[in-house]
Amino acid sequence: MRVRTVTVSVMWLVVAASSFGHRDQMVLAQAPGLSDAKIASGLKEALRVGTQNAVSLTGRPDGYFQNAAIKILMPSQLQPLEKGLRAGGYGPRIDELVLTMNRAAERAAPAAKPIFLEAITAMSFDDARKILTGSPTAATEYFKGKTSAKLTTAFQPVVARTMNEVGVTRQYKELLGHAQAVPFLKSEAFDLDR
């Protein structure tokens, strides 16, 4: 199983969760008597708090697993096989795989915090203005542009190590092995490199 599935899930969840709400952006941008510097400073502080909250919420046991909005589900390669595997008595192993993928994401999430804080510190007044006056996803877009490469670099080894520690890769390969023994399941789903 490629580490990318969990890595991408962790990265973009933290990006979205740390973004500042658009309604709040508009209130801050229209606050009377505040200088542009104070507004930018307020935005940075709100983003810092949002980042810390997102990492606190996701980087703990059940931060992903018990949150239906962000829970990492069965890998796409196994989704077509899931019903057959469950019918064959492998439901508990499928559930364990999903749990361990979420545990890996929960353990990896704190690695995002310094990367986001660096992006916030480096935010220019122009960047802050674009976030405040931009679309509802302007903060998310800013973070994607400023952190994607660093998050990928930071997360891949953390997620790979964590997935190995909690047994995700082993469980995934075992499930694929069991699926290969079921004659009616499609063989193209067994490609581990997809």
N, C-alpha and C. Protein backbone atom coordinates (compact mmCIF):
# COMPACT_ATOMS: atom_id res chain seq x y z
N MET A 1 0.85 -1.18 0.00
CA MET A 1 0.00 0.00 0.00
C MET A 1 0.88 1.23 0.00
N ARG A 2 0.56 2.16 -0.82
CA ARG A 2 1.37 3.38 -0.87
C ARG A 2 1.05 4.27 0.30
N VAL A 3 2.08 4.91 0.80
CA VAL A 3 1.97 5.83 1.92
C VAL A 3 1.18 7.06 1.52
N ARG A 4 1.13 7.35 0.23
CA ARG A 4 0.52 8.57 -0.28
C ARG A 4 -0.94 8.73 0.18
N THR A 5 -1.71 7.66 0.22
CA THR A 5 -3.12 7.74 0.60
C THR A 5 -3.28 8.40 1.97
N VAL A 6 -2.54 7.89 2.95
CA VAL A 6 -2.65 8.44 4.30
C VAL A 6 -1.98 9.80 4.36
N THR A 7 -0.83 9.96 3.69
CA THR A 7 -0.11 11.23 3.71
C THR A 7 -0.99 12.35 3.20
N VAL A 8 -1.63 12.16 2.06
CA VAL A 8 -2.49 13.20 1.48
C VAL A 8 -3.67 13.48 2.40
N SER A 9 -4.26 12.44 2.98
CA SER A 9 -5.38 12.65 3.89
C SER A 9 -4.97 13.51 5.08
N VAL A 10 -3.82 13.21 5.65
CA VAL A 10 -3.35 13.98 6.81
C VAL A 10 -3.08 15.42 6.41
N MET A 11 -2.35 15.61 5.31
CA MET A 11 -1.96 16.95 4.88
C MET A 11 -3.16 17.85 4.63
N TRP A 12 -4.08 17.42 3.80
CA TRP A 12 -5.16 18.33 3.40
C TRP A 12 -6.19 18.52 4.49
N LEU A 13 -6.31 17.54 5.36
CA LEU A 13 -7.21 17.77 6.49
C LEU A 13 -6.67 18.88 7.36
N VAL A 14 -5.39 18.82 7.67
CA VAL A 14 -4.83 19.85 8.54
C VAL A 14 -4.86 21.20 7.84
N VAL A 15 -4.63 21.22 6.52
CA VAL A 15 -4.71 22.48 5.77
C VAL A 15 -6.11 23.07 5.91
N ALA A 16 -7.12 22.26 5.64
CA ALA A 16 -8.49 22.77 5.68
C ALA A 16 -8.91 23.14 7.10
N ALA A 17 -8.53 22.32 8.06
CA ALA A 17 -8.94 22.58 9.44
C ALA A 17 -8.27 23.82 10.01
N SER A 18 -7.08 24.14 9.54
CA SER A 18 -6.38 25.29 10.09
C SER A 18 -6.78 26.59 9.41
N SER A 19 -7.53 26.50 8.34
CA SER A 19 -7.94 27.70 7.62
C SER A 19 -8.96 28.49 8.41
N PHE A 20 -8.95 29.76 8.20
CA PHE A 20 -9.77 30.71 8.95
C PHE A 20 -11.13 30.84 8.26
N GLY A 21 -12.21 30.85 9.00
CA GLY A 21 -13.55 30.95 8.42
C GLY A 21 -13.78 32.23 7.64
N HIS A 22 -14.41 32.15 6.48
CA HIS A 22 -14.61 33.31 5.61
C HIS A 22 -15.46 34.40 6.28
N ARG A 23 -16.49 34.01 6.99
CA ARG A 23 -17.32 35.01 7.66
C ARG A 23 -16.48 35.81 8.66
N ASP A 24 -15.65 35.10 9.42
CA ASP A 24 -14.77 35.77 10.38
C ASP A 24 -13.75 36.65 9.68
N GLN A 25 -13.30 36.23 8.51
CA GLN A 25 -12.36 37.05 7.73
C GLN A 25 -13.00 38.38 7.38
N MET A 26 -14.25 38.33 6.94
CA MET A 26 -14.92 39.55 6.52
C MET A 26 -15.15 40.49 7.71
N VAL A 27 -15.48 39.93 8.87
CA VAL A 27 -15.66 40.76 10.07
C VAL A 27 -14.34 41.44 10.42
N LEU A 28 -13.25 40.69 10.40
CA LEU A 28 -11.94 41.25 10.71
C LEU A 28 -11.54 42.31 9.69
N ALA A 29 -11.79 42.04 8.42
CA ALA A 29 -11.39 42.96 7.35
C ALA A 29 -12.17 44.27 7.43
N GLN A 30 -13.38 44.24 7.98
CA GLN A 30 -14.21 45.43 8.02
C GLN A 30 -14.24 46.10 9.39
N ALA A 31 -13.37 45.63 10.30
CA ALA A 31 -13.37 46.19 11.66
C ALA A 31 -12.95 47.65 11.61
N PRO A 32 -13.80 48.55 12.12
CA PRO A 32 -13.48 49.98 12.06
C PRO A 32 -12.34 50.33 13.02
N GLY A 33 -11.49 51.24 12.58
CA GLY A 33 -10.43 51.76 13.42
C GLY A 33 -9.20 50.88 13.53
N LEU A 34 -9.16 49.77 12.82
CA LEU A 34 -7.99 48.92 12.87
C LEU A 34 -7.08 49.22 11.68
N SER A 35 -5.79 49.32 11.95
CA SER A 35 -4.84 49.54 10.86
C SER A 35 -4.66 48.23 10.09
N ASP A 36 -4.12 48.37 8.90
CA ASP A 36 -3.86 47.17 8.09
C ASP A 36 -2.91 46.23 8.82
N ALA A 37 -1.94 46.77 9.52
CA ALA A 37 -0.99 45.94 10.26
C ALA A 37 -1.69 45.16 11.36
N LYS A 38 -2.62 45.81 12.07
CA LYS A 38 -3.37 45.14 13.14
C LYS A 38 -4.27 44.05 12.57
N ILE A 39 -4.88 44.33 11.43
CA ILE A 39 -5.74 43.33 10.78
C ILE A 39 -4.91 42.12 10.37
N ALA A 40 -3.76 42.36 9.74
CA ALA A 40 -2.88 41.26 9.32
C ALA A 40 -2.40 40.48 10.53
N SER A 41 -2.06 41.19 11.60
CA SER A 41 -1.61 40.53 12.83
C SER A 41 -2.72 39.67 13.42
N GLY A 42 -3.94 40.18 13.41
CA GLY A 42 -5.10 39.43 13.91
C GLY A 42 -5.35 38.18 13.09
N LEU A 43 -5.22 38.30 11.78
CA LEU A 43 -5.40 37.14 10.90
C LEU A 43 -4.34 36.09 11.20
N LYS A 44 -3.09 36.52 11.33
CA LYS A 44 -2.02 35.57 11.62
C LYS A 44 -2.27 34.85 12.94
N GLU A 45 -2.71 35.60 13.94
CA GLU A 45 -2.98 34.98 15.23
C GLU A 45 -4.13 33.99 15.13
N ALA A 46 -5.17 34.34 14.39
CA ALA A 46 -6.30 33.43 14.20
C ALA A 46 -5.85 32.16 13.48
N LEU A 47 -4.99 32.30 12.49
CA LEU A 47 -4.48 31.13 11.77
C LEU A 47 -3.58 30.28 12.67
N ARG A 48 -2.78 30.93 13.52
CA ARG A 48 -1.96 30.18 14.48
C ARG A 48 -2.84 29.34 15.41
N VAL A 49 -3.88 29.97 15.93
CA VAL A 49 -4.80 29.27 16.83
C VAL A 49 -5.51 28.14 16.08
N GLY A 50 -5.96 28.42 14.86
CA GLY A 50 -6.61 27.40 14.05
C GLY A 50 -5.69 26.21 13.79
N THR A 51 -4.43 26.49 13.50
CA THR A 51 -3.46 25.42 13.27
C THR A 51 -3.26 24.59 14.54
N GLN A 52 -3.08 25.26 15.66
CA GLN A 52 -2.89 24.54 16.92
C GLN A 52 -4.11 23.70 17.26
N ASN A 53 -5.29 24.24 17.05
CA ASN A 53 -6.52 23.49 17.31
C ASN A 53 -6.66 22.29 16.39
N ALA A 54 -6.36 22.48 15.11
CA ALA A 54 -6.47 21.37 14.15
C ALA A 54 -5.51 20.25 14.51
N VAL A 55 -4.28 20.60 14.86
CA VAL A 55 -3.31 19.58 15.24
C VAL A 55 -3.73 18.90 16.54
N SER A 56 -4.23 19.68 17.49
CA SER A 56 -4.69 19.10 18.76
C SER A 56 -5.85 18.13 18.55
N LEU A 57 -6.75 18.48 17.66
CA LEU A 57 -7.92 17.63 17.41
C LEU A 57 -7.58 16.38 16.62
N THR A 58 -6.69 16.51 15.64
CA THR A 58 -6.39 15.37 14.77
C THR A 58 -5.23 14.53 15.28
N GLY A 59 -4.31 15.12 16.02
CA GLY A 59 -3.11 14.42 16.45
C GLY A 59 -3.26 13.71 17.78
N ARG A 60 -4.37 13.11 18.01
CA ARG A 60 -4.62 12.35 19.25
C ARG A 60 -5.44 11.11 18.88
N PRO A 61 -5.45 10.10 19.76
CA PRO A 61 -6.25 8.90 19.46
C PRO A 61 -7.71 9.28 19.17
N ASP A 62 -8.23 8.72 18.11
CA ASP A 62 -9.58 8.94 17.61
C ASP A 62 -9.79 10.31 16.97
N GLY A 63 -8.72 11.09 16.81
CA GLY A 63 -8.82 12.38 16.13
C GLY A 63 -9.31 12.23 14.70
N TYR A 64 -8.92 11.17 14.04
CA TYR A 64 -9.42 10.85 12.71
C TYR A 64 -10.52 9.80 12.81
N PHE A 65 -10.23 8.72 13.51
CA PHE A 65 -11.09 7.54 13.49
C PHE A 65 -12.52 7.82 13.95
N GLN A 66 -12.71 8.65 14.95
CA GLN A 66 -14.06 8.92 15.47
C GLN A 66 -14.71 10.14 14.83
N ASN A 67 -14.08 10.72 13.83
CA ASN A 67 -14.64 11.90 13.17
C ASN A 67 -15.07 11.50 11.76
N ALA A 68 -16.36 11.34 11.56
CA ALA A 68 -16.88 10.86 10.26
C ALA A 68 -16.48 11.77 9.10
N ALA A 69 -16.26 13.04 9.36
CA ALA A 69 -15.92 13.97 8.28
C ALA A 69 -14.51 13.74 7.75
N ILE A 70 -13.62 13.20 8.56
CA ILE A 70 -12.22 13.07 8.14
C ILE A 70 -11.67 11.66 8.24
N LYS A 71 -12.46 10.73 8.72
CA LYS A 71 -12.02 9.35 8.89
C LYS A 71 -11.49 8.80 7.58
N ILE A 72 -10.34 8.16 7.63
CA ILE A 72 -9.76 7.52 6.45
C ILE A 72 -10.43 6.16 6.30
N LEU A 73 -10.99 5.95 5.13
CA LEU A 73 -11.74 4.72 4.87
C LEU A 73 -10.89 3.70 4.13
N MET A 74 -11.49 2.61 3.76
CA MET A 74 -10.81 1.54 3.05
C MET A 74 -10.12 2.09 1.80
N PRO A 75 -8.85 1.70 1.57
CA PRO A 75 -8.15 2.16 0.37
C PRO A 75 -8.94 1.79 -0.90
N SER A 76 -8.86 2.66 -1.88
CA SER A 76 -9.63 2.46 -3.11
C SER A 76 -9.32 1.11 -3.77
N GLN A 77 -8.07 0.62 -3.63
CA GLN A 77 -7.71 -0.66 -4.23
C GLN A 77 -8.49 -1.82 -3.61
N LEU A 78 -8.86 -1.68 -2.33
CA LEU A 78 -9.58 -2.76 -1.66
C LEU A 78 -11.09 -2.58 -1.65
N GLN A 79 -11.57 -1.39 -1.99
CA GLN A 79 -13.01 -1.16 -1.94
C GLN A 79 -13.80 -2.16 -2.78
N PRO A 80 -13.34 -2.48 -4.02
CA PRO A 80 -14.12 -3.46 -4.79
C PRO A 80 -14.06 -4.87 -4.18
N LEU A 81 -13.07 -5.12 -3.33
CA LEU A 81 -12.90 -6.44 -2.74
C LEU A 81 -13.55 -6.56 -1.35
N GLU A 82 -13.89 -5.41 -0.77
CA GLU A 82 -14.34 -5.40 0.62
C GLU A 82 -15.53 -6.31 0.87
N LYS A 83 -16.53 -6.24 0.03
CA LYS A 83 -17.74 -7.04 0.24
C LYS A 83 -17.40 -8.54 0.23
N GLY A 84 -16.60 -8.94 -0.73
CA GLY A 84 -16.21 -10.35 -0.82
C GLY A 84 -15.37 -10.79 0.37
N LEU A 85 -14.46 -9.92 0.80
CA LEU A 85 -13.63 -10.24 1.96
C LEU A 85 -14.49 -10.33 3.23
N ARG A 86 -15.44 -9.42 3.38
CA ARG A 86 -16.32 -9.48 4.55
C ARG A 86 -17.15 -10.77 4.52
N ALA A 87 -17.64 -11.13 3.33
CA ALA A 87 -18.42 -12.36 3.20
C ALA A 87 -17.57 -13.58 3.52
N GLY A 88 -16.28 -13.47 3.28
CA GLY A 88 -15.36 -14.57 3.56
C GLY A 88 -14.87 -14.60 5.01
N GLY A 89 -15.41 -13.73 5.85
CA GLY A 89 -15.05 -13.74 7.26
C GLY A 89 -13.90 -12.82 7.64
N TYR A 90 -13.49 -11.94 6.72
CA TYR A 90 -12.37 -11.05 6.99
C TYR A 90 -12.79 -9.65 7.43
N GLY A 91 -14.04 -9.49 7.83
CA GLY A 91 -14.53 -8.19 8.29
C GLY A 91 -13.71 -7.60 9.42
N PRO A 92 -13.38 -8.39 10.46
CA PRO A 92 -12.57 -7.83 11.54
C PRO A 92 -11.19 -7.34 11.07
N ARG A 93 -10.61 -8.03 10.10
CA ARG A 93 -9.30 -7.59 9.57
C ARG A 93 -9.44 -6.30 8.78
N ILE A 94 -10.53 -6.16 8.05
CA ILE A 94 -10.78 -4.91 7.32
C ILE A 94 -10.95 -3.77 8.31
N ASP A 95 -11.74 -4.01 9.36
CA ASP A 95 -11.94 -2.98 10.39
C ASP A 95 -10.62 -2.61 11.05
N GLU A 96 -9.77 -3.60 11.29
CA GLU A 96 -8.46 -3.34 11.91
C GLU A 96 -7.57 -2.51 10.98
N LEU A 97 -7.62 -2.79 9.68
CA LEU A 97 -6.84 -2.02 8.72
C LEU A 97 -7.28 -0.55 8.73
N VAL A 98 -8.57 -0.32 8.70
CA VAL A 98 -9.09 1.06 8.72
C VAL A 98 -8.66 1.75 10.01
N LEU A 99 -8.76 1.06 11.13
CA LEU A 99 -8.35 1.65 12.41
C LEU A 99 -6.87 2.00 12.40
N THR A 100 -6.02 1.10 11.92
CA THR A 100 -4.58 1.37 11.95
C THR A 100 -4.19 2.47 10.98
N MET A 101 -4.88 2.61 9.86
CA MET A 101 -4.58 3.73 8.95
C MET A 101 -4.90 5.05 9.65
N ASN A 102 -6.02 5.09 10.36
CA ASN A 102 -6.39 6.30 11.09
C ASN A 102 -5.42 6.57 12.23
N ARG A 103 -4.94 5.53 12.90
CA ARG A 103 -3.95 5.71 13.96
C ARG A 103 -2.65 6.28 13.39
N ALA A 104 -2.26 5.83 12.22
CA ALA A 104 -1.06 6.36 11.58
C ALA A 104 -1.24 7.85 11.28
N ALA A 105 -2.40 8.22 10.77
CA ALA A 105 -2.67 9.63 10.47
C ALA A 105 -2.67 10.47 11.74
N GLU A 106 -3.25 9.93 12.80
CA GLU A 106 -3.30 10.67 14.07
C GLU A 106 -1.89 10.90 14.62
N ARG A 107 -1.03 9.92 14.47
CA ARG A 107 0.34 10.06 14.97
C ARG A 107 1.17 10.99 14.10
N ALA A 108 0.83 11.08 12.83
CA ALA A 108 1.60 11.93 11.91
C ALA A 108 1.17 13.39 11.94
N ALA A 109 -0.06 13.67 12.31
CA ALA A 109 -0.61 15.03 12.23
C ALA A 109 0.24 16.10 12.92
N PRO A 110 0.82 15.86 14.09
CA PRO A 110 1.61 16.92 14.74
C PRO A 110 2.81 17.41 13.91
N ALA A 111 3.28 16.63 12.95
CA ALA A 111 4.40 17.07 12.12
C ALA A 111 4.03 18.27 11.25
N ALA A 112 2.75 18.55 11.10
CA ALA A 112 2.31 19.69 10.28
C ALA A 112 2.47 21.02 11.00
N LYS A 113 2.40 21.01 12.30
CA LYS A 113 2.36 22.27 13.06
C LYS A 113 3.52 23.22 12.74
N PRO A 114 4.78 22.80 12.82
CA PRO A 114 5.85 23.76 12.53
C PRO A 114 5.84 24.27 11.09
N ILE A 115 5.38 23.46 10.18
CA ILE A 115 5.33 23.86 8.77
C ILE A 115 4.28 24.95 8.58
N PHE A 116 3.11 24.79 9.20
CA PHE A 116 2.08 25.82 9.11
C PHE A 116 2.49 27.10 9.83
N LEU A 117 3.10 26.94 10.99
CA LEU A 117 3.53 28.13 11.73
C LEU A 117 4.58 28.91 10.94
N GLU A 118 5.45 28.21 10.24
CA GLU A 118 6.44 28.88 9.38
C GLU A 118 5.74 29.64 8.25
N ALA A 119 4.72 29.03 7.64
CA ALA A 119 3.97 29.70 6.57
C ALA A 119 3.24 30.93 7.09
N ILE A 120 2.73 30.85 8.31
CA ILE A 120 2.04 32.00 8.90
C ILE A 120 3.03 33.12 9.20
N THR A 121 4.18 32.77 9.76
CA THR A 121 5.21 33.77 10.06
C THR A 121 5.68 34.47 8.79
N ALA A 122 5.81 33.71 7.70
CA ALA A 122 6.29 34.27 6.44
C ALA A 122 5.21 35.03 5.67
N MET A 123 3.97 35.00 6.15
CA MET A 123 2.87 35.64 5.44
C MET A 123 3.10 37.15 5.35
N SER A 124 3.04 37.65 4.14
CA SER A 124 3.20 39.09 3.92
C SER A 124 1.86 39.80 4.12
N PHE A 125 1.91 41.12 4.18
CA PHE A 125 0.68 41.89 4.27
C PHE A 125 -0.20 41.62 3.05
N ASP A 126 0.44 41.53 1.88
CA ASP A 126 -0.29 41.23 0.64
C ASP A 126 -1.02 39.88 0.73
N ASP A 127 -0.32 38.87 1.27
CA ASP A 127 -0.93 37.55 1.44
C ASP A 127 -2.15 37.65 2.37
N ALA A 128 -1.98 38.37 3.48
CA ALA A 128 -3.08 38.53 4.44
C ALA A 128 -4.27 39.22 3.78
N ARG A 129 -4.01 40.25 3.00
CA ARG A 129 -5.08 40.98 2.31
C ARG A 129 -5.83 40.04 1.36
N LYS A 130 -5.09 39.21 0.62
CA LYS A 130 -5.72 38.27 -0.31
C LYS A 130 -6.60 37.26 0.43
N ILE A 131 -6.16 36.83 1.59
CA ILE A 131 -6.95 35.89 2.38
C ILE A 131 -8.22 36.57 2.90
N LEU A 132 -8.06 37.78 3.41
CA LEU A 132 -9.19 38.51 3.98
C LEU A 132 -10.25 38.89 2.95
N THR A 133 -9.81 39.24 1.75
CA THR A 133 -10.75 39.72 0.74
C THR A 133 -11.05 38.67 -0.32
N GLY A 134 -10.41 37.51 -0.21
CA GLY A 134 -10.57 36.48 -1.23
C GLY A 134 -11.77 35.58 -1.01
N SER A 135 -11.73 34.48 -1.68
CA SER A 135 -12.82 33.49 -1.63
C SER A 135 -12.86 32.82 -0.26
N PRO A 136 -13.92 32.08 0.02
CA PRO A 136 -14.00 31.36 1.29
C PRO A 136 -12.87 30.35 1.49
N THR A 137 -12.22 29.97 0.41
CA THR A 137 -11.12 29.00 0.51
C THR A 137 -9.75 29.66 0.37
N ALA A 138 -9.68 30.96 0.49
CA ALA A 138 -8.42 31.68 0.28
C ALA A 138 -7.32 31.24 1.25
N ALA A 139 -7.65 31.02 2.50
CA ALA A 139 -6.63 30.58 3.46
C ALA A 139 -6.14 29.18 3.12
N THR A 140 -7.05 28.30 2.76
CA THR A 140 -6.67 26.95 2.36
C THR A 140 -5.76 27.00 1.14
N GLU A 141 -6.11 27.83 0.16
CA GLU A 141 -5.29 27.97 -1.04
C GLU A 141 -3.91 28.52 -0.69
N TYR A 142 -3.84 29.47 0.21
CA TYR A 142 -2.55 30.02 0.65
C TYR A 142 -1.70 28.91 1.25
N PHE A 143 -2.30 28.16 2.18
CA PHE A 143 -1.54 27.09 2.82
C PHE A 143 -1.12 26.01 1.83
N LYS A 144 -1.98 25.65 0.90
CA LYS A 144 -1.60 24.65 -0.11
C LYS A 144 -0.38 25.12 -0.88
N GLY A 145 -0.40 26.37 -1.30
CA GLY A 145 0.72 26.90 -2.07
C GLY A 145 2.01 26.99 -1.29
N LYS A 146 1.91 27.32 -0.02
CA LYS A 146 3.11 27.54 0.80
C LYS A 146 3.62 26.29 1.50
N THR A 147 2.77 25.27 1.67
CA THR A 147 3.18 24.14 2.50
C THR A 147 3.19 22.78 1.81
N SER A 148 2.61 22.65 0.64
CA SER A 148 2.45 21.33 0.01
C SER A 148 3.75 20.54 -0.08
N ALA A 149 4.78 21.15 -0.65
CA ALA A 149 6.05 20.42 -0.84
C ALA A 149 6.66 20.05 0.51
N LYS A 150 6.65 20.97 1.45
CA LYS A 150 7.24 20.70 2.77
C LYS A 150 6.44 19.65 3.53
N LEU A 151 5.11 19.71 3.42
CA LEU A 151 4.28 18.71 4.10
C LEU A 151 4.52 17.32 3.53
N THR A 152 4.60 17.24 2.22
CA THR A 152 4.86 15.94 1.59
C THR A 152 6.19 15.39 2.05
N THR A 153 7.22 16.23 2.02
CA THR A 153 8.55 15.80 2.45
C THR A 153 8.55 15.38 3.91
N ALA A 154 7.88 16.14 4.75
CA ALA A 154 7.85 15.84 6.19
C ALA A 154 6.98 14.64 6.50
N PHE A 155 5.84 14.53 5.82
CA PHE A 155 4.87 13.51 6.19
C PHE A 155 5.20 12.12 5.67
N GLN A 156 5.76 12.01 4.50
CA GLN A 156 5.97 10.68 3.94
C GLN A 156 6.80 9.79 4.86
N PRO A 157 7.94 10.25 5.38
CA PRO A 157 8.67 9.35 6.29
C PRO A 157 7.93 9.10 7.61
N VAL A 158 7.25 10.12 8.13
CA VAL A 158 6.51 9.96 9.38
C VAL A 158 5.36 8.97 9.18
N VAL A 159 4.60 9.16 8.10
CA VAL A 159 3.48 8.25 7.84
C VAL A 159 3.99 6.84 7.54
N ALA A 160 5.05 6.72 6.75
CA ALA A 160 5.60 5.40 6.42
C ALA A 160 6.05 4.69 7.69
N ARG A 161 6.79 5.39 8.55
CA ARG A 161 7.26 4.80 9.80
C ARG A 161 6.08 4.42 10.70
N THR A 162 5.13 5.32 10.81
CA THR A 162 3.97 5.06 11.67
C THR A 162 3.14 3.92 11.12
N MET A 163 2.94 3.89 9.81
CA MET A 163 2.17 2.80 9.22
C MET A 163 2.86 1.46 9.46
N ASN A 164 4.19 1.46 9.41
CA ASN A 164 4.94 0.24 9.68
C ASN A 164 4.81 -0.15 11.15
N GLU A 165 4.91 0.84 12.05
CA GLU A 165 4.81 0.58 13.49
C GLU A 165 3.44 0.02 13.87
N VAL A 166 2.39 0.55 13.29
CA VAL A 166 1.05 0.07 13.65
C VAL A 166 0.57 -1.07 12.76
N GLY A 167 1.38 -1.48 11.78
CA GLY A 167 1.09 -2.67 10.99
C GLY A 167 0.18 -2.48 9.80
N VAL A 168 0.02 -1.26 9.31
CA VAL A 168 -0.90 -1.03 8.19
C VAL A 168 -0.45 -1.78 6.94
N THR A 169 0.81 -1.65 6.57
CA THR A 169 1.30 -2.28 5.34
C THR A 169 1.15 -3.80 5.41
N ARG A 170 1.51 -4.39 6.53
CA ARG A 170 1.38 -5.84 6.71
C ARG A 170 -0.09 -6.25 6.59
N GLN A 171 -0.97 -5.53 7.25
CA GLN A 171 -2.39 -5.87 7.20
C GLN A 171 -2.94 -5.75 5.78
N TYR A 172 -2.53 -4.71 5.09
CA TYR A 172 -2.98 -4.48 3.72
C TYR A 172 -2.56 -5.65 2.83
N LYS A 173 -1.29 -6.04 2.94
CA LYS A 173 -0.79 -7.15 2.12
C LYS A 173 -1.48 -8.46 2.47
N GLU A 174 -1.74 -8.67 3.75
CA GLU A 174 -2.46 -9.88 4.16
C GLU A 174 -3.87 -9.91 3.57
N LEU A 175 -4.57 -8.78 3.62
CA LEU A 175 -5.92 -8.73 3.04
C LEU A 175 -5.89 -8.99 1.54
N LEU A 176 -4.91 -8.42 0.86
CA LEU A 176 -4.80 -8.68 -0.57
C LEU A 176 -4.52 -10.15 -0.84
N GLY A 177 -3.69 -10.75 0.00
CA GLY A 177 -3.42 -12.18 -0.14
C GLY A 177 -4.67 -13.02 0.03
N HIS A 178 -5.48 -12.67 1.01
CA HIS A 178 -6.74 -13.39 1.21
C HIS A 178 -7.69 -13.17 0.03
N ALA A 179 -7.71 -11.95 -0.48
CA ALA A 179 -8.59 -11.64 -1.61
C ALA A 179 -8.17 -12.41 -2.85
N GLN A 180 -6.88 -12.60 -3.04
CA GLN A 180 -6.40 -13.34 -4.21
C GLN A 180 -6.88 -14.79 -4.20
N ALA A 181 -7.16 -15.31 -3.03
CA ALA A 181 -7.63 -16.69 -2.91
C ALA A 181 -9.12 -16.82 -3.24
N VAL A 182 -9.82 -15.70 -3.36
CA VAL A 182 -11.25 -15.74 -3.67
C VAL A 182 -11.40 -15.65 -5.19
N PRO A 183 -11.87 -16.70 -5.86
CA PRO A 183 -11.88 -16.75 -7.32
C PRO A 183 -12.72 -15.69 -8.01
N PHE A 184 -13.78 -15.20 -7.40
CA PHE A 184 -14.67 -14.26 -8.09
C PHE A 184 -14.26 -12.79 -7.95
N LEU A 185 -13.19 -12.50 -7.23
CA LEU A 185 -12.75 -11.12 -7.08
C LEU A 185 -11.82 -10.73 -8.22
N LYS A 186 -11.87 -9.47 -8.64
CA LYS A 186 -11.11 -8.98 -9.80
C LYS A 186 -9.62 -8.90 -9.49
N SER A 187 -8.81 -9.42 -10.39
CA SER A 187 -7.36 -9.49 -10.15
C SER A 187 -6.65 -8.15 -10.26
N GLU A 188 -7.17 -7.18 -11.02
CA GLU A 188 -6.48 -5.89 -11.14
C GLU A 188 -6.45 -5.12 -9.82
N ALA A 189 -7.29 -5.47 -8.90
CA ALA A 189 -7.30 -4.81 -7.60
C ALA A 189 -6.13 -5.26 -6.73
N PHE A 190 -5.39 -6.27 -7.17
CA PHE A 190 -4.29 -6.80 -6.36
C PHE A 190 -2.97 -6.09 -6.60
N ASP A 191 -2.94 -5.10 -7.43
CA ASP A 191 -1.69 -4.38 -7.73
C ASP A 191 -1.33 -3.49 -6.54
N LEU A 192 -0.29 -3.86 -5.82
CA LEU A 192 0.12 -3.12 -4.61
C LEU A 192 0.69 -1.74 -4.91
N ASP A 193 1.10 -1.49 -6.13
CA ASP A 193 1.75 -0.22 -6.46
C ASP A 193 0.79 0.83 -6.94
N ARG A 194 -0.50 0.56 -6.96
CA ARG A 194 -1.47 1.54 -7.42
C ARG A 194 -1.73 2.58 -6.39
